Structure formats: C-alpha cells, structure tokens
Amino acid sequence: RFCSNFGHPFLIETDEFPEECEARCTSMPTCMYFTIYLANGWCQISSRCNEEAESGDRSAVTFAKKVADYSCSSHSPRADCLGGWVAELGKPIRLGGR
C-alpha cells in the first residue's frame, strides 16, 4: 500500500533505498510520510496521507513520522516536535489507528 492522496503529487519521488529515503524524509520538515519499494529501491515522500491505495509493487511499505509531544499536534508542528517513525521497516502503517 502507498499514500495515493487522490492523485496529488508527492513532494519527491526518487530511486533511493530505504535508509536514504528515511534520512531524506527525516531532514525535511514538510515530510510526514514516506513509502519505500523494497523490490526496486524506489522512494515516495509526502506531506500527507489522506488516502491509501494498493500498489502494483507488493514490496511497498509506508511509514508515518510521529509527533514526539502531543502539545505539538498543530497543522504545522515545529521541527523539534517531531521524532521517530510510527512503523519500523517492514511494518506498514494503518490509517485511522494513530
């Protein structure tokens, strides 16, 4: 599954492997989700995940940046409010379960 977002564009799509994709998303304040495609080293970075869809590549795994402090749960939290990821590699996110 991946963040299809009703067809809206991703912030970035690139041919990076999981560690590079995670590092790039972590360094971007606007990145809140990233999807990696383990089979071919593809990376999609997004600021939102309003809609998930089935991917043609079954190796797709999506991760969500978690907010470190609930007092920071505004629409655009400060960079120091963010920390870690909701899922580990290989464990897809479940929308609505946050």
C-alpha atoms as a PDB file:
ATOM      1  CA  ARG A   1       0.000   0.000   0.000  1.00  0.00           C
ATOM      2  CA  PHE A   2       1.067   3.587  -0.566  1.00  0.00           C
ATOM      3  CA  CYS A   3      -0.219   7.128   0.045  1.00  0.00           C
ATOM      4  CA  SER A   4      -2.086   7.830  -3.178  1.00  0.00           C
ATOM      5  CA  ASN A   5      -3.587  11.129  -1.906  1.00  0.00           C
ATOM      6  CA  PHE A   6      -6.297  11.204  -4.554  1.00  0.00           C
ATOM      7  CA  GLY A   7      -3.617  11.626  -7.252  1.00  0.00           C
ATOM      8  CA  HIS A   8      -1.970  14.745  -5.787  1.00  0.00           C
ATOM      9  CA  PRO A   9       1.791  14.870  -6.430  1.00  0.00           C
ATOM     10  CA  PHE A  10       4.400  13.679  -3.961  1.00  0.00           C
ATOM     11  CA  LEU A  11       6.969  16.078  -2.534  1.00  0.00           C
ATOM     12  CA  ILE A  12       9.688  13.854  -4.022  1.00  0.00           C
ATOM     13  CA  GLU A  13       9.881  10.597  -5.974  1.00  0.00           C
ATOM     14  CA  THR A  14      13.354   9.187  -6.376  1.00  0.00           C
ATOM     15  CA  ASP A  15      15.321   5.980  -6.788  1.00  0.00           C
ATOM     16  CA  GLU A  16      16.651   5.702  -3.250  1.00  0.00           C
ATOM     17  CA  PHE A  17      16.874   2.702  -0.958  1.00  0.00           C
ATOM     18  CA  PRO A  18      15.139   2.601   2.457  1.00  0.00           C
ATOM     19  CA  GLU A  19      17.863   4.195   4.591  1.00  0.00           C
ATOM     20  CA  GLU A  20      18.366   7.070   2.132  1.00  0.00           C
ATOM     21  CA  CYS A  21      14.617   7.635   1.783  1.00  0.00           C
ATOM     22  CA  GLU A  22      14.124   7.688   5.560  1.00  0.00           C
ATOM     23  CA  ALA A  23      17.061  10.098   6.014  1.00  0.00           C
ATOM     24  CA  ARG A  24      15.735  12.446   3.330  1.00  0.00           C
ATOM     25  CA  CYS A  25      12.232  12.487   4.824  1.00  0.00           C
ATOM     26  CA  THR A  26      13.592  12.962   8.351  1.00  0.00           C
ATOM     27  CA  SER A  27      15.555  16.014   7.205  1.00  0.00           C
ATOM     28  CA  MET A  28      12.504  17.630   5.557  1.00  0.00           C
ATOM     29  CA  PRO A  29      10.100  19.494   7.878  1.00  0.00           C
ATOM     30  CA  THR A  30       7.272  19.070   5.335  1.00  0.00           C
ATOM     31  CA  CYS A  31       7.699  15.294   5.042  1.00  0.00           C
ATOM     32  CA  MET A  32       5.267  13.362   7.216  1.00  0.00           C
ATOM     33  CA  TYR A  33       5.108  10.058   5.264  1.00  0.00           C
ATOM     34  CA  PHE A  34       7.393   8.056   3.054  1.00  0.00           C
ATOM     35  CA  THR A  35       6.831   4.884   1.064  1.00  0.00           C
ATOM     36  CA  ILE A  36       9.673   2.598   0.104  1.00  0.00           C
ATOM     37  CA  TYR A  37       9.553  -0.071  -2.566  1.00  0.00           C
ATOM     38  CA  LEU A  38      11.943  -2.729  -1.337  1.00  0.00           C
ATOM     39  CA  ALA A  39      11.989  -4.697  -4.596  1.00  0.00           C
ATOM     40  CA  ASN A  40      13.325  -1.864  -6.757  1.00  0.00           C
ATOM     41  CA  GLY A  41      14.696   0.886  -4.491  1.00  0.00           C
ATOM     42  CA  TRP A  42      12.001   3.489  -5.150  1.00  0.00           C
ATOM     43  CA  CYS A  43      11.031   6.217  -2.662  1.00  0.00           C
ATOM     44  CA  GLN A  44       7.954   8.464  -2.430  1.00  0.00           C
ATOM     45  CA  ILE A  45       7.885  11.333   0.099  1.00  0.00           C
ATOM     46  CA  SER A  46       4.655  13.084   1.063  1.00  0.00           C
ATOM     47  CA  SER A  47       3.361  15.734   3.430  1.00  0.00           C
ATOM     48  CA  ARG A  48       0.027  13.921   3.811  1.00  0.00           C
ATOM     49  CA  CYS A  49      -1.575  10.511   3.518  1.00  0.00           C
ATOM     50  CA  ASN A  50      -5.269  11.237   3.028  1.00  0.00           C
ATOM     51  CA  GLU A  51      -5.835   8.094   1.017  1.00  0.00           C
ATOM     52  CA  GLU A  52      -4.005   4.776   0.820  1.00  0.00           C
ATOM     53  CA  ALA A  53      -4.228   2.528  -2.224  1.00  0.00           C
ATOM     54  CA  GLU A  54      -2.934  -0.850  -3.277  1.00  0.00           C
ATOM     55  CA  SER A  55       0.420  -0.650  -5.012  1.00  0.00           C
ATOM     56  CA  GLY A  56       1.289  -2.675  -8.076  1.00  0.00           C
ATOM     57  CA  ASP A  57       4.520  -3.499  -6.223  1.00  0.00           C
ATOM     58  CA  ARG A  58       3.757  -5.699  -3.218  1.00  0.00           C
ATOM     59  CA  SER A  59       7.063  -4.687  -1.591  1.00  0.00           C
ATOM     60  CA  ALA A  60       5.712  -1.157  -0.844  1.00  0.00           C
ATOM     61  CA  VAL A  61       5.824  -0.139   2.830  1.00  0.00           C
ATOM     62  CA  THR A  62       4.623   3.250   4.151  1.00  0.00           C
ATOM     63  CA  PHE A  63       5.910   4.978   7.288  1.00  0.00           C
ATOM     64  CA  ALA A  64       4.477   7.943   9.200  1.00  0.00           C
ATOM     65  CA  LYS A  65       6.534  10.454  11.171  1.00  0.00           C
ATOM     66  CA  LYS A  66       5.310  10.530  14.748  1.00  0.00           C
ATOM     67  CA  VAL A  67       4.850  13.660  16.812  1.00  0.00           C
ATOM     68  CA  ALA A  68       7.097  13.476  19.871  1.00  0.00           C
ATOM     69  CA  ASP A  69       4.998  15.842  22.019  1.00  0.00           C
ATOM     70  CA  TYR A  70       1.190  15.971  21.945  1.00  0.00           C
ATOM     71  CA  SER A  71       1.278  19.715  22.702  1.00  0.00           C
ATOM     72  CA  CYS A  72       2.835  19.991  19.235  1.00  0.00           C
ATOM     73  CA  SER A  73      -0.102  18.478  17.352  1.00  0.00           C
ATOM     74  CA  SER A  74      -0.858  21.561  15.268  1.00  0.00           C
ATOM     75  CA  HIS A  75      -1.284  21.538  11.482  1.00  0.00           C
ATOM     76  CA  SER A  76       2.367  22.589  11.033  1.00  0.00           C
ATOM     77  CA  PRO A  77       4.335  21.464  14.111  1.00  0.00           C
ATOM     78  CA  ARG A  78       7.795  22.859  14.846  1.00  0.00           C
ATOM     79  CA  ALA A  79      10.735  20.682  13.774  1.00  0.00           C
ATOM     80  CA  ASP A  80      11.657  19.920  17.414  1.00  0.00           C
ATOM     81  CA  CYS A  81       8.175  18.394  17.917  1.00  0.00           C
ATOM     82  CA  LEU A  82       8.906  15.554  15.518  1.00  0.00           C
ATOM     83  CA  GLY A  83      10.755  12.388  16.336  1.00  0.00           C
ATOM     84  CA  GLY A  84      10.995   8.839  15.105  1.00  0.00           C
ATOM     85  CA  TRP A  85       8.584   6.879  12.941  1.00  0.00           C
ATOM     86  CA  VAL A  86       5.304   5.134  13.684  1.00  0.00           C
ATOM     87  CA  ALA A  87       6.300   1.892  11.959  1.00  0.00           C
ATOM     88  CA  GLU A  88       9.562   0.041  11.636  1.00  0.00           C
ATOM     89  CA  LEU A  89      10.796  -1.213   8.268  1.00  0.00           C
ATOM     90  CA  GLY A  90       8.522  -3.984   7.136  1.00  0.00           C
ATOM     91  CA  LYS A  91       5.549  -2.908   9.294  1.00  0.00           C
ATOM     92  CA  PRO A  92       3.075  -0.828   7.235  1.00  0.00           C
ATOM     93  CA  ILE A  93       1.057   1.989   8.811  1.00  0.00           C
ATOM     94  CA  ARG A  94      -2.653   1.632   9.365  1.00  0.00           C
ATOM     95  CA  LEU A  95      -4.607   4.809   8.701  1.00  0.00           C
ATOM     96  CA  GLY A  96      -7.053   5.761  11.430  1.00  0.00           C
ATOM     97  CA  GLY A  97      -5.013   3.886  14.021  1.00  0.00           C
ATOM     98  CA  ARG A  98      -2.842   6.826  15.038  1.00  0.00           C
END
